Amino acid sequence: MRPVDLWRHTSFRLALGVALFVLATLMLAGGIGYGLMQAQLAVRQDARVTEIYAAIEETGQLGDEAELIEH
């Protein structure tokens, strides 16, 4: 059977359509998941950096240079 003859079969076109639909759905779900994960990690990183700088600022205000260097 030649590849051109495959297009004449409804079962081949249906299988190809379903495969493309599943592939597109997986790519969309992966993209959405990636975007959500990236946003969540950015929020966590910002919170952690803010926490670190707050601790350094607090230590600096107390005037304890040894603890400031440790932080």
PDB file of N, CA and C in Angstrom:
ATOM      1  N   MET A   1       0.846  -1.178   0.000  1.00  0.00           N
ATOM      2  CA  MET A   1       0.000   0.000   0.000  1.00  0.00           C
ATOM      3  C   MET A   1       0.890   1.238   0.000  1.00  0.00           C
ATOM      4  N   ARG A   2       0.570   2.129  -0.872  1.00  0.00           N
ATOM      5  CA  ARG A   2       1.324   3.370  -0.960  1.00  0.00           C
ATOM      6  C   ARG A   2       0.845   4.358   0.100  1.00  0.00           C
ATOM      7  N   PRO A   3       1.726   5.275   0.542  1.00  0.00           N
ATOM      8  CA  PRO A   3       1.321   6.259   1.557  1.00  0.00           C
ATOM      9  C   PRO A   3       0.158   7.140   1.102  1.00  0.00           C
ATOM     10  N   VAL A   4       0.058   7.385  -0.182  1.00  0.00           N
ATOM     11  CA  VAL A   4      -1.047   8.210  -0.688  1.00  0.00           C
ATOM     12  C   VAL A   4      -2.375   7.498  -0.470  1.00  0.00           C
ATOM     13  N   ASP A   5      -2.373   6.184  -0.536  1.00  0.00           N
ATOM     14  CA  ASP A   5      -3.610   5.418  -0.350  1.00  0.00           C
ATOM     15  C   ASP A   5      -4.104   5.470   1.094  1.00  0.00           C
ATOM     16  N   LEU A   6      -3.221   5.788   2.056  1.00  0.00           N
ATOM     17  CA  LEU A   6      -3.645   5.853   3.456  1.00  0.00           C
ATOM     18  C   LEU A   6      -4.667   6.958   3.687  1.00  0.00           C
ATOM     19  N   TRP A   7      -4.554   8.065   2.967  1.00  0.00           N
ATOM     20  CA  TRP A   7      -5.470   9.180   3.148  1.00  0.00           C
ATOM     21  C   TRP A   7      -6.899   8.825   2.755  1.00  0.00           C
ATOM     22  N   ARG A   8      -7.062   7.800   1.979  1.00  0.00           N
ATOM     23  CA  ARG A   8      -8.404   7.393   1.548  1.00  0.00           C
ATOM     24  C   ARG A   8      -9.161   6.666   2.654  1.00  0.00           C
ATOM     25  N   HIS A   9      -8.454   6.142   3.633  1.00  0.00           N
ATOM     26  CA  HIS A   9      -9.092   5.380   4.711  1.00  0.00           C
ATOM     27  C   HIS A   9      -9.526   6.317   5.834  1.00  0.00           C
ATOM     28  N   THR A  10     -10.783   6.213   6.185  1.00  0.00           N
ATOM     29  CA  THR A  10     -11.333   7.052   7.249  1.00  0.00           C
ATOM     30  C   THR A  10     -10.672   6.729   8.586  1.00  0.00           C
ATOM     31  N   SER A  11     -10.351   5.472   8.827  1.00  0.00           N
ATOM     32  CA  SER A  11      -9.748   5.088  10.097  1.00  0.00           C
ATOM     33  C   SER A  11      -8.373   5.733  10.278  1.00  0.00           C
ATOM     34  N   PHE A  12      -7.612   5.857   9.199  1.00  0.00           N
ATOM     35  CA  PHE A  12      -6.301   6.510   9.284  1.00  0.00           C
ATOM     36  C   PHE A  12      -6.454   7.990   9.590  1.00  0.00           C
ATOM     37  N   ARG A  13      -7.374   8.649   8.899  1.00  0.00           N
ATOM     38  CA  ARG A  13      -7.583  10.080   9.140  1.00  0.00           C
ATOM     39  C   ARG A  13      -8.093  10.319  10.558  1.00  0.00           C
ATOM     40  N   LEU A  14      -8.954   9.463  11.043  1.00  0.00           N
ATOM     41  CA  LEU A  14      -9.473   9.590  12.398  1.00  0.00           C
ATOM     42  C   LEU A  14      -8.359   9.383  13.430  1.00  0.00           C
ATOM     43  N   ALA A  15      -7.543   8.359  13.231  1.00  0.00           N
ATOM     44  CA  ALA A  15      -6.432   8.090  14.156  1.00  0.00           C
ATOM     45  C   ALA A  15      -5.442   9.254  14.147  1.00  0.00           C
ATOM     46  N   LEU A  16      -5.146   9.797  12.987  1.00  0.00           N
ATOM     47  CA  LEU A  16      -4.240  10.938  12.891  1.00  0.00           C
ATOM     48  C   LEU A  16      -4.829  12.162  13.583  1.00  0.00           C
ATOM     49  N   GLY A  17      -6.117  12.384  13.405  1.00  0.00           N
ATOM     50  CA  GLY A  17      -6.783  13.516  14.052  1.00  0.00           C
ATOM     51  C   GLY A  17      -6.767  13.391  15.561  1.00  0.00           C
ATOM     52  N   VAL A  18      -7.038  12.200  16.072  1.00  0.00           N
ATOM     53  CA  VAL A  18      -7.026  11.979  17.518  1.00  0.00           C
ATOM     54  C   VAL A  18      -5.614  12.153  18.066  1.00  0.00           C
ATOM     55  N   ALA A  19      -4.632  11.634  17.367  1.00  0.00           N
ATOM     56  CA  ALA A  19      -3.243  11.766  17.816  1.00  0.00           C
ATOM     57  C   ALA A  19      -2.830  13.238  17.860  1.00  0.00           C
ATOM     58  N   LEU A  20      -3.191  14.017  16.860  1.00  0.00           N
ATOM     59  CA  LEU A  20      -2.862  15.446  16.852  1.00  0.00           C
ATOM     60  C   LEU A  20      -3.598  16.193  17.956  1.00  0.00           C
ATOM     61  N   PHE A  21      -4.844  15.809  18.208  1.00  0.00           N
ATOM     62  CA  PHE A  21      -5.612  16.437  19.286  1.00  0.00           C
ATOM     63  C   PHE A  21      -4.974  16.152  20.642  1.00  0.00           C
ATOM     64  N   VAL A  22      -4.574  14.910  20.867  1.00  0.00           N
ATOM     65  CA  VAL A  22      -3.929  14.547  22.134  1.00  0.00           C
ATOM     66  C   VAL A  22      -2.604  15.279  22.283  1.00  0.00           C
ATOM     67  N   LEU A  23      -1.834  15.360  21.226  1.00  0.00           N
ATOM     68  CA  LEU A  23      -0.560  16.075  21.263  1.00  0.00           C
ATOM     69  C   LEU A  23      -0.760  17.556  21.580  1.00  0.00           C
ATOM     70  N   ALA A  24      -1.734  18.178  20.937  1.00  0.00           N
ATOM     71  CA  ALA A  24      -2.012  19.593  21.195  1.00  0.00           C
ATOM     72  C   ALA A  24      -2.482  19.809  22.634  1.00  0.00           C
ATOM     73  N   THR A  25      -3.309  18.905  23.147  1.00  0.00           N
ATOM     74  CA  THR A  25      -3.798  19.009  24.519  1.00  0.00           C
ATOM     75  C   THR A  25      -2.659  18.867  25.515  1.00  0.00           C
ATOM     76  N   LEU A  26      -1.770  17.933  25.290  1.00  0.00           N
ATOM     77  CA  LEU A  26      -0.624  17.756  26.179  1.00  0.00           C
ATOM     78  C   LEU A  26       0.301  18.965  26.155  1.00  0.00           C
ATOM     79  N   MET A  27       0.508  19.535  24.986  1.00  0.00           N
ATOM     80  CA  MET A  27       1.358  20.717  24.893  1.00  0.00           C
ATOM     81  C   MET A  27       0.717  21.902  25.615  1.00  0.00           C
ATOM     82  N   LEU A  28      -0.584  22.066  25.475  1.00  0.00           N
ATOM     83  CA  LEU A  28      -1.286  23.142  26.158  1.00  0.00           C
ATOM     84  C   LEU A  28      -1.230  22.960  27.674  1.00  0.00           C
ATOM     85  N   ALA A  29      -1.482  21.750  28.140  1.00  0.00           N
ATOM     86  CA  ALA A  29      -1.431  21.477  29.576  1.00  0.00           C
ATOM     87  C   ALA A  29      -0.024  21.675  30.124  1.00  0.00           C
ATOM     88  N   GLY A  30       0.977  21.256  29.371  1.00  0.00           N
ATOM     89  CA  GLY A  30       2.358  21.450  29.792  1.00  0.00           C
ATOM     90  C   GLY A  30       2.724  22.920  29.867  1.00  0.00           C
ATOM     91  N   GLY A  31       2.279  23.692  28.906  1.00  0.00           N
ATOM     92  CA  GLY A  31       2.548  25.128  28.904  1.00  0.00           C
ATOM     93  C   GLY A  31       1.887  25.837  30.073  1.00  0.00           C
ATOM     94  N   ILE A  32       0.646  25.475  30.354  1.00  0.00           N
ATOM     95  CA  ILE A  32      -0.063  26.075  31.489  1.00  0.00           C
ATOM     96  C   ILE A  32       0.617  25.677  32.795  1.00  0.00           C
ATOM     97  N   GLY A  33       0.968  24.409  32.935  1.00  0.00           N
ATOM     98  CA  GLY A  33       1.655  23.951  34.149  1.00  0.00           C
ATOM     99  C   GLY A  33       2.994  24.633  34.337  1.00  0.00           C
ATOM    100  N   TYR A  34       3.726  24.808  33.264  1.00  0.00           N
ATOM    101  CA  TYR A  34       5.020  25.484  33.341  1.00  0.00           C
ATOM    102  C   TYR A  34       4.847  26.935  33.784  1.00  0.00           C
ATOM    103  N   GLY A  35       3.870  27.615  33.211  1.00  0.00           N
ATOM    104  CA  GLY A  35       3.625  29.006  33.574  1.00  0.00           C
ATOM    105  C   GLY A  35       3.230  29.156  35.034  1.00  0.00           C
ATOM    106  N   LEU A  36       2.353  28.285  35.513  1.00  0.00           N
ATOM    107  CA  LEU A  36       1.942  28.344  36.915  1.00  0.00           C
ATOM    108  C   LEU A  36       3.100  28.041  37.855  1.00  0.00           C
ATOM    109  N   MET A  37       3.896  27.051  37.508  1.00  0.00           N
ATOM    110  CA  MET A  37       5.040  26.698  38.348  1.00  0.00           C
ATOM    111  C   MET A  37       6.063  27.821  38.377  1.00  0.00           C
ATOM    112  N   GLN A  38       6.323  28.443  37.248  1.00  0.00           N
ATOM    113  CA  GLN A  38       7.276  29.540  37.189  1.00  0.00           C
ATOM    114  C   GLN A  38       6.802  30.713  38.046  1.00  0.00           C
ATOM    115  N   ALA A  39       5.513  31.021  37.992  1.00  0.00           N
ATOM    116  CA  ALA A  39       4.975  32.114  38.790  1.00  0.00           C
ATOM    117  C   ALA A  39       5.089  31.806  40.281  1.00  0.00           C
ATOM    118  N   GLN A  40       4.764  30.580  40.671  1.00  0.00           N
ATOM    119  CA  GLN A  40       4.837  30.191  42.081  1.00  0.00           C
ATOM    120  C   GLN A  40       6.278  30.235  42.592  1.00  0.00           C
ATOM    121  N   LEU A  41       7.216  29.772  41.796  1.00  0.00           N
ATOM    122  CA  LEU A  41       8.617  29.803  42.210  1.00  0.00           C
ATOM    123  C   LEU A  41       9.135  31.240  42.322  1.00  0.00           C
ATOM    124  N   ALA A  42       8.674  32.119  41.460  1.00  0.00           N
ATOM    125  CA  ALA A  42       9.089  33.523  41.542  1.00  0.00           C
ATOM    126  C   ALA A  42       8.566  34.163  42.829  1.00  0.00           C
ATOM    127  N   VAL A  43       7.336  33.839  43.196  1.00  0.00           N
ATOM    128  CA  VAL A  43       6.763  34.368  44.441  1.00  0.00           C
ATOM    129  C   VAL A  43       7.549  33.855  45.639  1.00  0.00           C
ATOM    130  N   ARG A  44       7.877  32.576  45.643  1.00  0.00           N
ATOM    131  CA  ARG A  44       8.661  32.002  46.747  1.00  0.00           C
ATOM    132  C   ARG A  44      10.039  32.643  46.845  1.00  0.00           C
ATOM    133  N   GLN A  45      10.681  32.835  45.701  1.00  0.00           N
ATOM    134  CA  GLN A  45      12.017  33.420  45.693  1.00  0.00           C
ATOM    135  C   GLN A  45      11.976  34.863  46.195  1.00  0.00           C
ATOM    136  N   ASP A  46      10.986  35.633  45.769  1.00  0.00           N
ATOM    137  CA  ASP A  46      10.858  37.009  46.249  1.00  0.00           C
ATOM    138  C   ASP A  46      10.634  37.053  47.754  1.00  0.00           C
ATOM    139  N   ALA A  47       9.805  36.155  48.267  1.00  0.00           N
ATOM    140  CA  ALA A  47       9.545  36.113  49.707  1.00  0.00           C
ATOM    141  C   ALA A  47      10.813  35.752  50.469  1.00  0.00           C
ATOM    142  N   ARG A  48      11.573  34.818  49.963  1.00  0.00           N
ATOM    143  CA  ARG A  48      12.808  34.398  50.639  1.00  0.00           C
ATOM    144  C   ARG A  48      13.841  35.530  50.642  1.00  0.00           C
ATOM    145  N   VAL A  49      13.997  36.223  49.528  1.00  0.00           N
ATOM    146  CA  VAL A  49      14.945  37.334  49.461  1.00  0.00           C
ATOM    147  C   VAL A  49      14.516  38.442  50.418  1.00  0.00           C
ATOM    148  N   THR A  50      13.223  38.733  50.469  1.00  0.00           N
ATOM    149  CA  THR A  50      12.716  39.744  51.399  1.00  0.00           C
ATOM    150  C   THR A  50      12.994  39.344  52.835  1.00  0.00           C
ATOM    151  N   GLU A  51      12.797  38.065  53.149  1.00  0.00           N
ATOM    152  CA  GLU A  51      13.058  37.561  54.497  1.00  0.00           C
ATOM    153  C   GLU A  51      14.542  37.693  54.868  1.00  0.00           C
ATOM    154  N   ILE A  52      15.413  37.371  53.947  1.00  0.00           N
ATOM    155  CA  ILE A  52      16.857  37.465  54.200  1.00  0.00           C
ATOM    156  C   ILE A  52      17.267  38.909  54.438  1.00  0.00           C
ATOM    157  N   TYR A  53      16.803  39.815  53.586  1.00  0.00           N
ATOM    158  CA  TYR A  53      17.164  41.219  53.760  1.00  0.00           C
ATOM    159  C   TYR A  53      16.581  41.803  55.045  1.00  0.00           C
ATOM    160  N   ALA A  54      15.392  41.354  55.454  1.00  0.00           N
ATOM    161  CA  ALA A  54      14.808  41.824  56.715  1.00  0.00           C
ATOM    162  C   ALA A  54      15.663  41.371  57.895  1.00  0.00           C
ATOM    163  N   ALA A  55      16.151  40.139  57.846  1.00  0.00           N
ATOM    164  CA  ALA A  55      17.006  39.630  58.921  1.00  0.00           C
ATOM    165  C   ALA A  55      18.335  40.383  58.960  1.00  0.00           C
ATOM    166  N   ILE A  56      18.886  40.671  57.806  1.00  0.00           N
ATOM    167  CA  ILE A  56      20.149  41.420  57.754  1.00  0.00           C
ATOM    168  C   ILE A  56      19.935  42.840  58.267  1.00  0.00           C
ATOM    169  N   GLU A  57      18.828  43.458  57.874  1.00  0.00           N
ATOM    170  CA  GLU A  57      18.551  44.818  58.327  1.00  0.00           C
ATOM    171  C   GLU A  57      18.350  44.869  59.847  1.00  0.00           C
ATOM    172  N   GLU A  58      17.621  43.889  60.363  1.00  0.00           N
ATOM    173  CA  GLU A  58      17.397  43.835  61.810  1.00  0.00           C
ATOM    174  C   GLU A  58      18.719  43.662  62.567  1.00  0.00           C
ATOM    175  N   THR A  59      19.561  42.793  62.064  1.00  0.00           N
ATOM    176  CA  THR A  59      20.859  42.566  62.702  1.00  0.00           C
ATOM    177  C   THR A  59      21.718  43.816  62.616  1.00  0.00           C
ATOM    178  N   GLY A  60      21.661  44.522  61.497  1.00  0.00           N
ATOM    179  CA  GLY A  60      22.441  45.741  61.328  1.00  0.00           C
ATOM    180  C   GLY A  60      21.973  46.854  62.251  1.00  0.00           C
ATOM    181  N   GLN A  61      20.671  46.920  62.499  1.00  0.00           N
ATOM    182  CA  GLN A  61      20.141  47.953  63.377  1.00  0.00           C
ATOM    183  C   GLN A  61      20.530  47.713  64.833  1.00  0.00           C
ATOM    184  N   LEU A  62      20.709  46.457  65.184  1.00  0.00           N
ATOM    185  CA  LEU A  62      21.109  46.139  66.557  1.00  0.00           C
ATOM    186  C   LEU A  62      22.576  46.475  66.797  1.00  0.00           C
ATOM    187  N   GLY A  63      23.332  46.640  65.727  1.00  0.00           N
ATOM    188  CA  GLY A  63      24.726  47.040  65.844  1.00  0.00           C
ATOM    189  C   GLY A  63      25.684  45.908  66.135  1.00  0.00           C
ATOM    190  N   ASP A  64      25.257  44.678  65.986  1.00  0.00           N
ATOM    191  CA  ASP A  64      26.122  43.523  66.241  1.00  0.00           C
ATOM    192  C   ASP A  64      26.808  43.134  64.932  1.00  0.00           C
ATOM    193  N   GLU A  65      28.033  43.592  64.751  1.00  0.00           N
ATOM    194  CA  GLU A  65      28.747  43.377  63.490  1.00  0.00           C
ATOM    195  C   GLU A  65      29.086  41.906  63.253  1.00  0.00           C
ATOM    196  N   ALA A  66      29.373  41.148  64.301  1.00  0.00           N
ATOM    197  CA  ALA A  66      29.711  39.732  64.129  1.00  0.00           C
ATOM    198  C   ALA A  66      28.517  38.956  63.591  1.00  0.00           C
ATOM    199  N   GLU A  67      27.325  39.220  64.110  1.00  0.00           N
ATOM    200  CA  GLU A  67      26.130  38.542  63.601  1.00  0.00           C
ATOM    201  C   GLU A  67      25.792  39.029  62.207  1.00  0.00           C
ATOM    202  N   LEU A  68      26.029  40.311  61.938  1.00  0.00           N
ATOM    203  CA  LEU A  68      25.755  40.845  60.616  1.00  0.00           C
ATOM    204  C   LEU A  68      26.605  40.156  59.565  1.00  0.00           C
ATOM    205  N   ILE A  69      27.880  39.937  59.875  1.00  0.00           N
ATOM    206  CA  ILE A  69      28.760  39.248  58.940  1.00  0.00           C
ATOM    207  C   ILE A  69      28.320  37.796  58.770  1.00  0.00           C
ATOM    208  N   GLU A  70      27.841  37.180  59.854  1.00  0.00           N
ATOM    209  CA  GLU A  70      27.387  35.789  59.785  1.00  0.00           C
ATOM    210  C   GLU A  70      26.166  35.637  58.895  1.00  0.00           C
ATOM    211  N   HIS A  71      25.240  36.607  58.981  1.00  0.00           N
ATOM    212  CA  HIS A  71      24.025  36.555  58.162  1.00  0.00           C
ATOM    213  C   HIS A  71      24.381  36.788  56.722  1.00  0.00           C
TER     214      HIS A  71
END
